[in-house]
Every structure is written in C-alpha cells, then in structure tokens.
C-alpha atoms as a PDB file:
ATOM      1  CA  MET A   1       0.165  -0.005  -0.021  1.00  0.00           C
ATOM      2  CA  LYS A   2       1.442   3.487  -1.082  1.00  0.00           C
ATOM      3  CA  HIS A   3       1.567   6.316   1.566  1.00  0.00           C
ATOM      4  CA  ALA A   4       2.270   9.974   0.810  1.00  0.00           C
ATOM      5  CA  LEU A   5       3.399  12.782   3.353  1.00  0.00           C
ATOM      6  CA  LEU A   6       2.263  16.010   1.626  1.00  0.00           C
ATOM      7  CA  VAL A   7       3.893  19.094   3.377  1.00  0.00           C
ATOM      8  CA  VAL A   8       2.073  22.223   2.142  1.00  0.00           C
ATOM      9  CA  SER A   9       3.475  25.742   3.154  1.00  0.00           C
ATOM     10  CA  PHE A  10       2.649  29.030   1.799  1.00  0.00           C
ATOM     11  CA  GLY A  11       6.013  29.328   0.087  1.00  0.00           C
ATOM     12  CA  THR A  12       8.463  31.703  -0.398  1.00  0.00           C
ATOM     13  CA  SER A  13      10.732  33.140  -3.230  1.00  0.00           C
ATOM     14  CA  TYR A  14      13.771  33.610  -0.935  1.00  0.00           C
ATOM     15  CA  ASN A  15      15.608  30.200  -1.854  1.00  0.00           C
ATOM     16  CA  GLU A  16      18.131  30.217   1.166  1.00  0.00           C
ATOM     17  CA  SER A  17      15.219  30.904   3.638  1.00  0.00           C
ATOM     18  CA  ARG A  18      13.353  28.008   1.759  1.00  0.00           C
ATOM     19  CA  GLY A  19      16.151  25.574   2.589  1.00  0.00           C
ATOM     20  CA  ARG A  20      16.576  26.741   6.116  1.00  0.00           C
ATOM     21  CA  THR A  21      12.823  26.684   6.921  1.00  0.00           C
ATOM     22  CA  ILE A  22      10.253  25.009   4.571  1.00  0.00           C
ATOM     23  CA  GLU A  23      12.343  22.074   3.683  1.00  0.00           C
ATOM     24  CA  ALA A  24      13.980  22.055   6.975  1.00  0.00           C
ATOM     25  CA  ILE A  25      10.430  21.495   8.409  1.00  0.00           C
ATOM     26  CA  GLU A  26       9.659  18.667   5.777  1.00  0.00           C
ATOM     27  CA  GLN A  27      12.648  16.762   6.614  1.00  0.00           C
ATOM     28  CA  ALA A  28      11.984  16.691  10.099  1.00  0.00           C
ATOM     29  CA  VAL A  29       8.530  15.573   9.778  1.00  0.00           C
ATOM     30  CA  ALA A  30       9.479  13.142   7.012  1.00  0.00           C
ATOM     31  CA  ALA A  31      11.788  11.249   9.348  1.00  0.00           C
ATOM     32  CA  GLN A  32       9.051  10.442  11.372  1.00  0.00           C
ATOM     33  CA  PHE A  33       7.060   8.727   8.003  1.00  0.00           C
ATOM     34  CA  PRO A  34       9.867   6.549   6.801  1.00  0.00           C
ATOM     35  CA  SER A  35       7.461   4.680   4.800  1.00  0.00           C
ATOM     36  CA  TYR A  36       5.846   7.649   3.614  1.00  0.00           C
ATOM     37  CA  GLU A  37       7.122   9.132   0.275  1.00  0.00           C
ATOM     38  CA  LEU A  38       7.598  13.102   0.808  1.00  0.00           C
ATOM     39  CA  ARG A  39       5.663  15.323  -1.534  1.00  0.00           C
ATOM     40  CA  ARG A  40       5.394  19.344  -1.514  1.00  0.00           C
ATOM     41  CA  ALA A  41       2.775  21.875  -2.247  1.00  0.00           C
ATOM     42  CA  PHE A  42       2.773  25.208  -2.377  1.00  0.00           C
ATOM     43  CA  THR A  43      -0.468  27.519  -1.593  1.00  0.00           C
ATOM     44  CA  SER A  44       1.054  30.826  -3.095  1.00  0.00           C
ATOM     45  CA  ARG A  45       0.048  30.598  -7.225  1.00  0.00           C
ATOM     46  CA  ILE A  46       2.207  33.669  -7.202  1.00  0.00           C
ATOM     47  CA  ILE A  47       4.988  32.499  -5.779  1.00  0.00           C
ATOM     48  CA  ILE A  48       4.801  28.891  -7.716  1.00  0.00           C
ATOM     49  CA  ASP A  49       4.761  31.164 -10.670  1.00  0.00           C
ATOM     50  CA  ILE A  50       8.043  33.203  -9.920  1.00  0.00           C
ATOM     51  CA  LEU A  51      10.069  30.193  -9.103  1.00  0.00           C
ATOM     52  CA  LYS A  52       9.306  28.444 -12.272  1.00  0.00           C
ATOM     53  CA  LYS A  53      10.106  31.570 -14.490  1.00  0.00           C
ATOM     54  CA  ARG A  54      12.757  32.733 -12.452  1.00  0.00           C
ATOM     55  CA  ASP A  55      14.603  29.514 -11.567  1.00  0.00           C
ATOM     56  CA  ASN A  56      12.762  26.781 -13.226  1.00  0.00           C
ATOM     57  CA  ILE A  57      12.270  25.420  -9.863  1.00  0.00           C
ATOM     58  CA  VAL A  58       8.827  23.529 -10.596  1.00  0.00           C
ATOM     59  CA  ILE A  59       6.252  23.493  -7.104  1.00  0.00           C
ATOM     60  CA  ASP A  60       3.009  22.047  -7.189  1.00  0.00           C
ATOM     61  CA  GLY A  61       0.047  23.855  -5.981  1.00  0.00           C
ATOM     62  CA  MET A  62      -2.443  21.974  -3.851  1.00  0.00           C
ATOM     63  CA  GLU A  63      -4.604  20.768  -6.861  1.00  0.00           C
ATOM     64  CA  GLU A  64      -1.845  19.517  -8.847  1.00  0.00           C
ATOM     65  CA  ALA A  65      -0.145  17.785  -5.878  1.00  0.00           C
ATOM     66  CA  MET A  66      -3.691  16.031  -5.083  1.00  0.00           C
ATOM     67  CA  GLU A  67      -4.150  15.061  -8.717  1.00  0.00           C
ATOM     68  CA  LYS A  68      -1.015  13.530  -8.868  1.00  0.00           C
ATOM     69  CA  LEU A  69      -1.358  11.358  -5.730  1.00  0.00           C
ATOM     70  CA  VAL A  70      -4.470  10.027  -7.297  1.00  0.00           C
ATOM     71  CA  ALA A  71      -2.697   9.178 -10.541  1.00  0.00           C
ATOM     72  CA  GLU A  72       0.150   7.726  -8.739  1.00  0.00           C
ATOM     73  CA  GLY A  73      -2.267   5.226  -6.650  1.00  0.00           C
ATOM     74  CA  PHE A  74      -1.479   6.441  -3.036  1.00  0.00           C
ATOM     75  CA  LYS A  75      -4.127   4.952  -0.557  1.00  0.00           C
ATOM     76  CA  ARG A  76      -2.983   6.665   2.405  1.00  0.00           C
ATOM     77  CA  VAL A  77      -2.051  10.363   2.311  1.00  0.00           C
ATOM     78  CA  ILE A  78      -1.011  12.949   5.638  1.00  0.00           C
ATOM     79  CA  ILE A  79      -1.111  16.578   4.710  1.00  0.00           C
ATOM     80  CA  GLN A  80       0.744  18.900   6.918  1.00  0.00           C
ATOM     81  CA  PRO A  81       0.685  22.491   6.824  1.00  0.00           C
ATOM     82  CA  THR A  82       3.532  24.733   7.875  1.00  0.00           C
ATOM     83  CA  LEU A  83       1.166  27.562   8.802  1.00  0.00           C
ATOM     84  CA  VAL A  84       1.120  29.625  11.961  1.00  0.00           C
ATOM     85  CA  MET A  85      -2.988  29.445  12.117  1.00  0.00           C
ATOM     86  CA  GLY A  86      -5.920  28.116  10.728  1.00  0.00           C
ATOM     87  CA  GLY A  87      -6.654  30.815   8.368  1.00  0.00           C
ATOM     88  CA  GLU A  88      -7.204  31.526   4.949  1.00  0.00           C
ATOM     89  CA  GLU A  89      -4.568  29.392   3.513  1.00  0.00           C
ATOM     90  CA  TYR A  90      -5.662  26.645   6.009  1.00  0.00           C
ATOM     91  CA  ASP A  91      -9.126  26.831   4.558  1.00  0.00           C
ATOM     92  CA  CYS A  92      -7.939  26.450   1.196  1.00  0.00           C
ATOM     93  CA  ILE A  93      -5.803  23.166   1.928  1.00  0.00           C
ATOM     94  CA  VAL A  94      -9.131  21.649   3.513  1.00  0.00           C
ATOM     95  CA  ASN A  95     -11.383  22.866   0.342  1.00  0.00           C
ATOM     96  CA  ALA A  96      -8.779  21.440  -1.922  1.00  0.00           C
ATOM     97  CA  THR A  97      -8.953  18.180  -0.500  1.00  0.00           C
ATOM     98  CA  LYS A  98     -12.550  17.812  -0.671  1.00  0.00           C
ATOM     99  CA  LYS A  99     -13.064  16.783  -3.830  1.00  0.00           C
ATOM    100  CA  TYR A 100     -10.488  14.039  -3.554  1.00  0.00           C
ATOM    101  CA  THR A 101     -11.132  12.657   0.101  1.00  0.00           C
ATOM    102  CA  HIS A 102     -12.996   9.577  -1.341  1.00  0.00           C
ATOM    103  CA  LEU A 103     -10.391   8.675  -3.959  1.00  0.00           C
ATOM    104  CA  PHE A 104      -8.115   7.731  -1.032  1.00  0.00           C
ATOM    105  CA  GLU A 105      -8.494   5.047   1.400  1.00  0.00           C
ATOM    106  CA  ARG A 106      -7.463   7.551   4.199  1.00  0.00           C
ATOM    107  CA  LEU A 107      -6.520  11.010   4.199  1.00  0.00           C
ATOM    108  CA  ILE A 108      -6.014  13.248   7.296  1.00  0.00           C
ATOM    109  CA  ILE A 109      -4.759  16.932   7.543  1.00  0.00           C
ATOM    110  CA  GLY A 110      -2.757  18.025  10.352  1.00  0.00           C
ATOM    111  CA  GLU A 111      -3.019  20.994  12.683  1.00  0.00           C
ATOM    112  CA  PRO A 112      -1.158  24.242  12.166  1.00  0.00           C
ATOM    113  CA  LEU A 113       1.134  25.531  14.372  1.00  0.00           C
ATOM    114  CA  LEU A 114      -1.061  27.140  16.798  1.00  0.00           C
ATOM    115  CA  SER A 115      -4.203  25.113  17.575  1.00  0.00           C
ATOM    116  CA  SER A 116      -4.720  24.394  21.103  1.00  0.00           C
ATOM    117  CA  GLU A 117      -3.910  26.020  24.260  1.00  0.00           C
ATOM    118  CA  GLU A 118      -0.908  23.672  24.752  1.00  0.00           C
ATOM    119  CA  ASP A 119       0.416  25.035  21.204  1.00  0.00           C
ATOM    120  CA  TYR A 120       0.280  28.300  22.170  1.00  0.00           C
ATOM    121  CA  LEU A 121       2.500  27.395  25.835  1.00  0.00           C
ATOM    122  CA  LYS A 122       4.878  25.600  23.832  1.00  0.00           C
ATOM    123  CA  LEU A 123       5.564  28.470  21.301  1.00  0.00           C
ATOM    124  CA  THR A 124       5.626  30.800  23.829  1.00  0.00           C
ATOM    125  CA  SER A 125       8.494  28.716  25.552  1.00  0.00           C
ATOM    126  CA  VAL A 126      10.384  28.576  22.273  1.00  0.00           C
ATOM    127  CA  LEU A 127      10.347  31.903  21.029  1.00  0.00           C
ATOM    128  CA  THR A 128      11.371  33.544  24.634  1.00  0.00           C
ATOM    129  CA  GLU A 129      14.157  30.926  24.715  1.00  0.00           C
ATOM    130  CA  GLU A 130      15.239  31.322  21.163  1.00  0.00           C
ATOM    131  CA  THR A 131      15.356  35.189  22.218  1.00  0.00           C
ATOM    132  CA  LYS A 132      16.720  34.916  26.092  1.00  0.00           C
ATOM    133  CA  GLU A 133      19.848  36.823  25.180  1.00  0.00           C
ATOM    134  CA  TYR A 134      17.596  40.337  24.825  1.00  0.00           C
ATOM    135  CA  ASP A 135      15.537  39.799  27.630  1.00  0.00           C
ATOM    136  CA  SER A 136      17.050  42.441  29.836  1.00  0.00           C
ATOM    137  CA  GLU A 137      16.451  45.758  31.397  1.00  0.00           C
ATOM    138  CA  GLY A 138      16.321  48.410  28.460  1.00  0.00           C
ATOM    139  CA  THR A 139      15.101  46.070  25.363  1.00  0.00           C
ATOM    140  CA  GLU A 140      11.786  45.051  24.225  1.00  0.00           C
ATOM    141  CA  ILE A 141      11.295  41.911  21.999  1.00  0.00           C
ATOM    142  CA  LEU A 142       8.685  42.879  19.278  1.00  0.00           C
ATOM    143  CA  PHE A 143       7.511  39.943  16.910  1.00  0.00           C
ATOM    144  CA  MET A 144       6.065  40.491  13.744  1.00  0.00           C
ATOM    145  CA  GLY A 145       3.169  38.156  12.179  1.00  0.00           C
ATOM    146  CA  HIS A 146       1.470  38.455   8.832  1.00  0.00           C
ATOM    147  CA  GLY A 147      -1.886  39.569  10.258  1.00  0.00           C
ATOM    148  CA  SER A 148      -5.246  38.282   8.217  1.00  0.00           C
ATOM    149  CA  GLU A 149      -9.039  39.424   8.380  1.00  0.00           C
ATOM    150  CA  HIS A 150      -9.636  35.884   9.176  1.00  0.00           C
ATOM    151  CA  GLU A 151     -10.894  34.849  12.544  1.00  0.00           C
ATOM    152  CA  ALA A 152      -8.031  33.052  13.016  1.00  0.00           C
ATOM    153  CA  ASN A 153      -6.331  36.181  13.310  1.00  0.00           C
ATOM    154  CA  ALA A 154      -7.284  36.376  17.246  1.00  0.00           C
ATOM    155  CA  ALA A 155      -4.068  33.751  17.459  1.00  0.00           C
ATOM    156  CA  TYR A 156      -1.653  36.719  17.854  1.00  0.00           C
ATOM    157  CA  HIS A 157      -3.285  38.601  20.325  1.00  0.00           C
ATOM    158  CA  ARG A 158      -3.906  35.169  22.247  1.00  0.00           C
ATOM    159  CA  LEU A 159       0.064  34.391  22.179  1.00  0.00           C
ATOM    160  CA  ALA A 160       0.626  38.217  23.256  1.00  0.00           C
ATOM    161  CA  VAL A 161      -1.678  37.590  26.490  1.00  0.00           C
ATOM    162  CA  ASN A 162       0.054  34.271  26.930  1.00  0.00           C
ATOM    163  CA  LEU A 163       3.574  36.051  26.678  1.00  0.00           C
ATOM    164  CA  LYS A 164       2.224  38.538  29.456  1.00  0.00           C
ATOM    165  CA  LYS A 165       0.989  35.872  31.965  1.00  0.00           C
ATOM    166  CA  LYS A 166       3.969  34.010  31.756  1.00  0.00           C
ATOM    167  CA  GLY A 167       5.995  37.085  33.003  1.00  0.00           C
ATOM    168  CA  TYR A 168       7.672  37.829  29.474  1.00  0.00           C
ATOM    169  CA  THR A 169       6.556  41.637  30.068  1.00  0.00           C
ATOM    170  CA  ARG A 170       9.399  42.845  27.361  1.00  0.00           C
ATOM    171  CA  TYR A 171       7.713  40.975  24.973  1.00  0.00           C
ATOM    172  CA  HIS A 172       5.281  42.243  22.356  1.00  0.00           C
ATOM    173  CA  VAL A 173       3.397  41.093  19.278  1.00  0.00           C
ATOM    174  CA  GLY A 174       2.367  43.284  16.052  1.00  0.00           C
ATOM    175  CA  THR A 175       1.372  42.365  12.573  1.00  0.00           C
ATOM    176  CA  VAL A 176       1.464  43.868   9.295  1.00  0.00           C
ATOM    177  CA  GLU A 177      -1.821  43.356   8.159  1.00  0.00           C
ATOM    178  CA  ALA A 178      -4.102  43.184  10.998  1.00  0.00           C
ATOM    179  CA  LYS A 179      -4.404  43.998  14.514  1.00  0.00           C
ATOM    180  CA  PRO A 180      -2.836  44.287  16.569  1.00  0.00           C
ATOM    181  CA  SER A 181      -1.050  46.358  14.285  1.00  0.00           C
ATOM    182  CA  PHE A 182       2.461  47.987  14.441  1.00  0.00           C
ATOM    183  CA  ASP A 183       0.961  51.081  15.976  1.00  0.00           C
ATOM    184  CA  ASP A 184      -0.618  49.015  18.614  1.00  0.00           C
ATOM    185  CA  ALA A 185       2.704  47.252  19.461  1.00  0.00           C
ATOM    186  CA  LYS A 186       4.601  50.693  19.502  1.00  0.00           C
ATOM    187  CA  SER A 187       2.235  52.214  21.754  1.00  0.00           C
ATOM    188  CA  GLU A 188       3.164  49.142  24.152  1.00  0.00           C
ATOM    189  CA  LEU A 189       7.060  50.134  23.788  1.00  0.00           C
ATOM    190  CA  ASP A 190       6.230  53.928  24.142  1.00  0.00           C
ATOM    191  CA  GLU A 191       4.989  53.266  27.825  1.00  0.00           C
ATOM    192  CA  LYS A 192       8.246  51.608  28.820  1.00  0.00           C
ATOM    193  CA  ASP A 193      11.896  53.315  29.368  1.00  0.00           C
ATOM    194  CA  SER A 194      13.415  51.102  27.059  1.00  0.00           C
ATOM    195  CA  LYS A 195      15.178  52.474  24.311  1.00  0.00           C
ATOM    196  CA  ARG A 196      16.492  48.999  22.171  1.00  0.00           C
ATOM    197  CA  VAL A 197      13.799  47.253  20.198  1.00  0.00           C
ATOM    198  CA  VAL A 198      14.402  43.695  18.616  1.00  0.00           C
ATOM    199  CA  LEU A 199      12.631  42.478  15.884  1.00  0.00           C
ATOM    200  CA  GLN A 200      12.022  39.188  15.354  1.00  0.00           C
ATOM    201  CA  PRO A 201       9.703  37.592  12.327  1.00  0.00           C
ATOM    202  CA  MET A 202       6.724  35.688  13.687  1.00  0.00           C
ATOM    203  CA  MET A 203       6.663  33.945  10.589  1.00  0.00           C
ATOM    204  CA  ILE A 204       7.398  30.449   9.254  1.00  0.00           C
ATOM    205  CA  VAL A 205      10.206  31.613   6.407  1.00  0.00           C
ATOM    206  CA  CYS A 206      12.091  35.257   6.664  1.00  0.00           C
ATOM    207  CA  GLY A 207      10.734  36.569   2.825  1.00  0.00           C
ATOM    208  CA  ASP A 208       9.623  39.934   2.016  1.00  0.00           C
ATOM    209  CA  HIS A 209       7.794  40.897   4.881  1.00  0.00           C
ATOM    210  CA  ALA A 210      10.563  40.528   7.157  1.00  0.00           C
ATOM    211  CA  HIS A 211      13.360  41.710   4.460  1.00  0.00           C
ATOM    212  CA  ASN A 212      11.071  45.316   3.656  1.00  0.00           C
ATOM    213  CA  ASP A 213       8.399  45.716   5.818  1.00  0.00           C
ATOM    214  CA  MET A 214      10.636  44.816   9.218  1.00  0.00           C
ATOM    215  CA  ALA A 215      14.129  45.333   8.399  1.00  0.00           C
ATOM    216  CA  GLY A 216      13.476  47.653   5.112  1.00  0.00           C
ATOM    217  CA  LYS A 217      15.610  50.883   4.612  1.00  0.00           C
ATOM    218  CA  ASP A 218      11.821  52.364   3.538  1.00  0.00           C
ATOM    219  CA  SER A 219      11.047  55.268   5.948  1.00  0.00           C
ATOM    220  CA  ASP A 220       7.511  52.937   6.432  1.00  0.00           C
ATOM    221  CA  SER A 221       9.768  50.118   7.459  1.00  0.00           C
ATOM    222  CA  TRP A 222       9.318  49.003  11.199  1.00  0.00           C
ATOM    223  CA  LYS A 223      12.823  49.333  11.856  1.00  0.00           C
ATOM    224  CA  SER A 224      13.250  52.915  10.236  1.00  0.00           C
ATOM    225  CA  GLN A 225       9.982  53.930  12.185  1.00  0.00           C
ATOM    226  CA  LEU A 226      11.310  52.818  15.210  1.00  0.00           C
ATOM    227  CA  GLU A 227      15.208  54.334  14.561  1.00  0.00           C
ATOM    228  CA  ALA A 228      12.959  57.707  13.524  1.00  0.00           C
ATOM    229  CA  ASP A 229      11.480  57.820  17.192  1.00  0.00           C
ATOM    230  CA  GLY A 230      14.972  57.132  18.672  1.00  0.00           C
ATOM    231  CA  TYR A 231      15.135  53.560  19.147  1.00  0.00           C
ATOM    232  CA  HIS A 232      17.955  51.554  18.819  1.00  0.00           C
ATOM    233  CA  VAL A 233      16.849  48.348  16.627  1.00  0.00           C
ATOM    234  CA  ILE A 234      17.985  44.908  15.982  1.00  0.00           C
ATOM    235  CA  CYS A 235      16.597  42.707  13.157  1.00  0.00           C
ATOM    236  CA  ARG A 236      16.737  39.313  13.392  1.00  0.00           C
ATOM    237  CA  LEU A 237      16.302  37.951   9.833  1.00  0.00           C
ATOM    238  CA  LYS A 238      15.706  34.254  11.126  1.00  0.00           C
ATOM    239  CA  GLY A 239      12.315  32.721  10.140  1.00  0.00           C
ATOM    240  CA  MET A 240      10.472  30.162  12.978  1.00  0.00           C
ATOM    241  CA  GLY A 241      11.247  27.723  10.703  1.00  0.00           C
ATOM    242  CA  GLU A 242      14.786  27.642  11.477  1.00  0.00           C
ATOM    243  CA  ILE A 243      13.952  27.187  14.764  1.00  0.00           C
ATOM    244  CA  GLU A 244      14.364  23.249  16.150  1.00  0.00           C
ATOM    245  CA  GLY A 245      11.483  23.588  18.436  1.00  0.00           C
ATOM    246  CA  VAL A 246       9.019  25.396  16.049  1.00  0.00           C
ATOM    247  CA  ARG A 247       9.711  22.501  13.644  1.00  0.00           C
ATOM    248  CA  ARG A 248       9.237  19.896  16.831  1.00  0.00           C
ATOM    249  CA  MET A 249       5.935  21.392  16.963  1.00  0.00           C
ATOM    250  CA  PHE A 250       5.092  20.342  13.288  1.00  0.00           C
ATOM    251  CA  VAL A 251       6.557  17.124  13.751  1.00  0.00           C
ATOM    252  CA  GLU A 252       4.086  16.283  16.686  1.00  0.00           C
ATOM    253  CA  HIS A 253       0.925  17.903  14.819  1.00  0.00           C
ATOM    254  CA  ALA A 254       2.096  15.455  12.090  1.00  0.00           C
ATOM    255  CA  LYS A 255       2.292  12.505  14.420  1.00  0.00           C
ATOM    256  CA  ASP A 256      -0.861  13.385  15.692  1.00  0.00           C
ATOM    257  CA  ALA A 257      -2.521  13.048  12.237  1.00  0.00           C
ATOM    258  CA  GLY A 258      -0.560   9.755  11.585  1.00  0.00           C
ATOM    259  CA  LYS A 259      -1.852   8.377  15.100  1.00  0.00           C
ATOM    260  CA  GLU A 260      -5.666   9.494  13.904  1.00  0.00           C
ATOM    261  CA  MET A 261      -4.853   7.654  10.844  1.00  0.00           C
ATOM    262  CA  GLU A 262      -4.073   4.449  12.629  1.00  0.00           C
ATOM    263  CA  ASP A 263      -6.714   4.550  14.899  1.00  0.00           C
ATOM    264  CA  GLN A 264      -9.490   4.633  11.930  1.00  0.00           C
ATOM    265  CA  GLY A 265      -7.989   1.285  11.017  1.00  0.00           C
END
C-alpha cells in the first residue's frame, strides 16, 4: 500500500530561506514517517509562478499535488501544513482536498502551528528561549506576524496575552496587515523606558515581509519608524522554521495526524 506525506506551505521566493525553513520542516516531519513518500505543495500561485519563471523550479499547487497522488495510486495520505494558524491558507488546503477525499482509503490533515492551548504555551516557551539573550532591562522584543482578516487572526492577541501571563513583559506582538498593528505594538513600547528594540519575524520563512516591512530601508518599515523615534533597533532575519522547537511542534502535529490514521484502521 502506497503512503504519502504532503507538506504544504504558503511558499517563498527566497531560496536560501526556503532551504533553512520549509525544507528543514519537511525533512524533520519526513524523518518520522520513513514508509511515506514525501511530497511538497505551495498555496501561493504567485510564488509558484515566480520560481518557475525565474529559477525553473517547479512546485505543485494543492490541486496538482492531489491529482498526482490520485494518479500514482497512493492510498493513505497525511497532509501537514507549515502554517502559523488556521486562517485562509488552511481553509484553502481543506477545501482543495474535499473533492479528492473519497479517492483515498485514508486522508488526514494535520493541525497548523497554533491550534491548541498547549501549542500557545509551547510556542511561548520556544520563542522566549530563542531570544532570551535580549530579555534584559532596557530592551523590548517585538514579533512581527503577518495578520489576516480571518477570525483565526485572534491567534496573535492570544499569544501576546500568553507572553504577559508567563511574565514576559518585555515581549510584544504586532502584525503587518491586521490587529494588533505596528501602532498598537509601538504604543506598548512607548510606555516603557527602554530604548532598544529587537525585531523578530513571527513567520515561518524570512521573506518579503521580514526583509522589507520589518527590516527595510524605506521610511515606512518597522525598523525605520522605530529608529526615527529614537530607538536602537536590532533585526533578527530568522524565520520561525529555522527554530528547532518550532519544527518539533510541526512534527508533533504530523504524528498526531498519523495516530489518527492508525486509529481509523
């Protein structure tokens, strides 16, 4: 019986970051499923097209990936997203599988990074351990999330609350496209006496948002706005997929999906 492990990411056009994040997650998850054939899909058609045109790198979208699995006779499939939360991209993954589900003996979709209360506690621990060298008087740590109009955007506020509950009062969360916004986060910073800020992407890959919106030279980047207001800014251009603890969380979600498959017989 043929088994497949399909790891689905939003994608990135930054090849080096892809290797350190998406590919690292894929390999970590695949190591737990030696009898499964590893496959990859991206949800961003824009990124898929850029990679094909610029680098001649061909990566499947969800439908192409599912069509191939059906055509090649796979019977059991675990789909593991590398998404932070269950927002629009996760919904796209779920919807894209619906018309194929009956063509497999078993098909299970793993959870995104932040799904349960335990996930929030784990990520709080992982991120604060990763940045503990900066957690000292006079320094604030600000995580940049993507943000979404989807109801799942509440994950950012929930993580921020968890950080404060655990006593990490120098930690803050903002998003590029939703709430809490950069202005919301900056209001928190301005209430402190600190004059140094560490910016860290709360995104799986270190792509356009991290390089441009967070650390870019333009006047509207987070770095530039903070520096204009007198802060000394340190940018950590490191996607969360580079962090071992984050990769372990995805591995655990995939293992939970595998256990669910076994339990179904």
